[in-house]
Amino acid sequence: MGRGKIEIAKIENVNSRQVTFSKRRAGLMKKAYELSVLCDAEIAVIVFSSTGKLFEFASSRSLSLSLSLPPYLSPSSLSLPPSPSLSHIYLGAAYNLLLNLFELTYQL
């Protein structure tokens, strides 16, 4: 007997939301690691929490070192509260950094 489906909607209780984020983040990082090992793939995962904290996973050390975001791109370094529009900015910046990283990696 499998688990029941859960409704995908924002969790209103702050404590429950933080616990769920922590557990699912750990699961996401584990799956990224497993995918990199099983398929010999270069994997990079960047996650910003609702409080603006940065979490990352990279399948190789060189990718991990290159993936480190400059301090000015960290949401916690901004004086503005996190919002959906800022999330899009962070994702866009992370996407551009990853593109640059992959271009430089393949040039080597």
Protein backbone atom coordinates (compact mmCIF):
# COMPACT_ATOMS: atom_id res chain seq x y z
CA MET A 1 0.00 0.00 0.00
CA GLY A 2 1.54 3.28 -1.10
CA ARG A 3 1.37 6.68 0.45
CA GLY A 4 -1.59 8.91 -0.23
CA LYS A 5 -1.30 11.94 -2.47
CA ILE A 6 -0.87 15.28 -0.79
CA GLU A 7 -2.28 18.53 -2.07
CA ILE A 8 0.47 20.76 -3.42
CA ALA A 9 -0.26 24.12 -1.82
CA LYS A 10 1.59 26.52 0.44
CA ILE A 11 1.82 25.25 4.01
CA GLU A 12 0.37 28.00 6.19
CA ASN A 13 1.89 26.91 9.52
CA VAL A 14 5.41 28.41 9.60
CA ASN A 15 6.95 25.64 11.73
CA SER A 16 5.45 22.89 9.57
CA ARG A 17 6.65 24.72 6.44
CA GLN A 18 10.23 24.94 7.76
CA VAL A 19 10.28 21.26 8.75
CA THR A 20 8.88 20.24 5.36
CA PHE A 21 11.42 22.43 3.56
CA SER A 22 14.29 20.91 5.52
CA LYS A 23 13.18 17.33 4.85
CA ARG A 24 12.41 17.89 1.18
CA ARG A 25 15.66 19.80 0.65
CA ALA A 26 17.59 16.87 2.07
CA GLY A 27 15.67 14.51 -0.21
CA LEU A 28 16.33 16.71 -3.23
CA MET A 29 20.06 16.82 -2.52
CA LYS A 30 20.13 13.03 -2.04
CA LYS A 31 18.34 12.48 -5.36
CA ALA A 32 20.75 14.87 -7.12
CA TYR A 33 23.71 12.93 -5.69
CA GLU A 34 22.22 9.59 -6.71
CA LEU A 35 21.55 10.85 -10.25
CA SER A 36 25.13 12.10 -10.57
CA VAL A 37 26.53 8.73 -9.44
CA LEU A 38 24.17 6.48 -11.41
CA CYS A 39 24.37 8.42 -14.68
CA ASP A 40 27.86 9.94 -14.34
CA ALA A 41 26.24 13.35 -14.83
CA GLU A 42 27.36 16.79 -13.73
CA ILE A 43 24.60 18.00 -11.41
CA ALA A 44 24.19 21.39 -9.75
CA VAL A 45 21.31 22.34 -7.45
CA ILE A 46 20.77 25.82 -6.01
CA VAL A 47 17.99 26.37 -3.46
CA PHE A 48 17.00 29.60 -1.70
CA SER A 49 14.82 29.15 1.38
CA SER A 50 11.93 31.48 2.16
CA THR A 51 14.23 33.22 4.66
CA GLY A 52 16.80 33.83 1.92
CA LYS A 53 19.34 31.20 2.97
CA LEU A 54 21.31 29.58 0.15
CA PHE A 55 21.75 25.80 -0.14
CA GLU A 56 23.69 24.16 -2.94
CA PHE A 57 24.86 20.81 -4.22
CA ALA A 58 27.38 20.14 -6.97
CA SER A 59 28.47 16.73 -8.20
CA SER A 60 32.13 17.65 -8.62
CA ARG A 61 34.56 19.75 -6.61
CA SER A 62 35.44 22.00 -9.54
CA LEU A 63 31.76 22.58 -10.23
CA SER A 64 31.17 23.31 -6.54
CA LEU A 65 33.98 25.88 -6.38
CA SER A 66 32.76 27.62 -9.52
CA LEU A 67 29.17 27.52 -8.33
CA SER A 68 29.73 29.63 -5.22
CA LEU A 69 27.68 32.75 -5.69
CA PRO A 70 29.22 36.14 -5.04
CA PRO A 71 28.01 37.69 -1.76
CA TYR A 72 26.04 40.40 -3.54
CA LEU A 73 23.77 37.74 -5.10
CA SER A 74 22.82 36.25 -1.73
CA PRO A 75 19.27 37.16 -0.69
CA SER A 76 20.36 37.63 2.93
CA SER A 77 22.77 40.39 1.91
CA LEU A 78 19.94 42.49 0.51
CA SER A 79 18.00 44.89 2.70
CA LEU A 80 14.76 44.05 0.91
CA PRO A 81 12.55 41.20 2.15
CA PRO A 82 12.38 38.13 -0.11
CA SER A 83 9.55 38.32 -2.63
CA PRO A 84 8.52 36.40 -5.75
CA SER A 85 10.10 39.04 -7.97
CA LEU A 86 13.43 38.74 -6.15
CA SER A 87 13.24 34.95 -6.44
CA HIS A 88 13.08 35.33 -10.21
CA ILE A 89 16.14 37.58 -10.10
CA TYR A 90 18.09 35.01 -8.07
CA LEU A 91 17.05 32.19 -10.37
CA GLY A 92 18.02 34.23 -13.41
CA ALA A 93 21.40 35.06 -11.90
CA ALA A 94 21.98 31.43 -10.92
CA TYR A 95 20.98 30.27 -14.41
CA ASN A 96 23.42 32.71 -16.02
CA LEU A 97 26.20 31.60 -13.67
CA LEU A 98 25.55 27.95 -14.54
CA LEU A 99 25.61 28.70 -18.27
CA ASN A 100 28.93 30.51 -17.88
CA LEU A 101 30.29 27.67 -15.77
CA PHE A 102 29.36 25.00 -18.30
CA GLU A 103 30.79 27.04 -21.18
CA LEU A 104 34.09 27.46 -19.33
CA THR A 105 34.15 23.80 -18.28
CA TYR A 106 33.75 22.57 -21.85
CA GLN A 107 36.45 24.97 -23.08
CA LEU A 108 38.97 23.22 -20.84
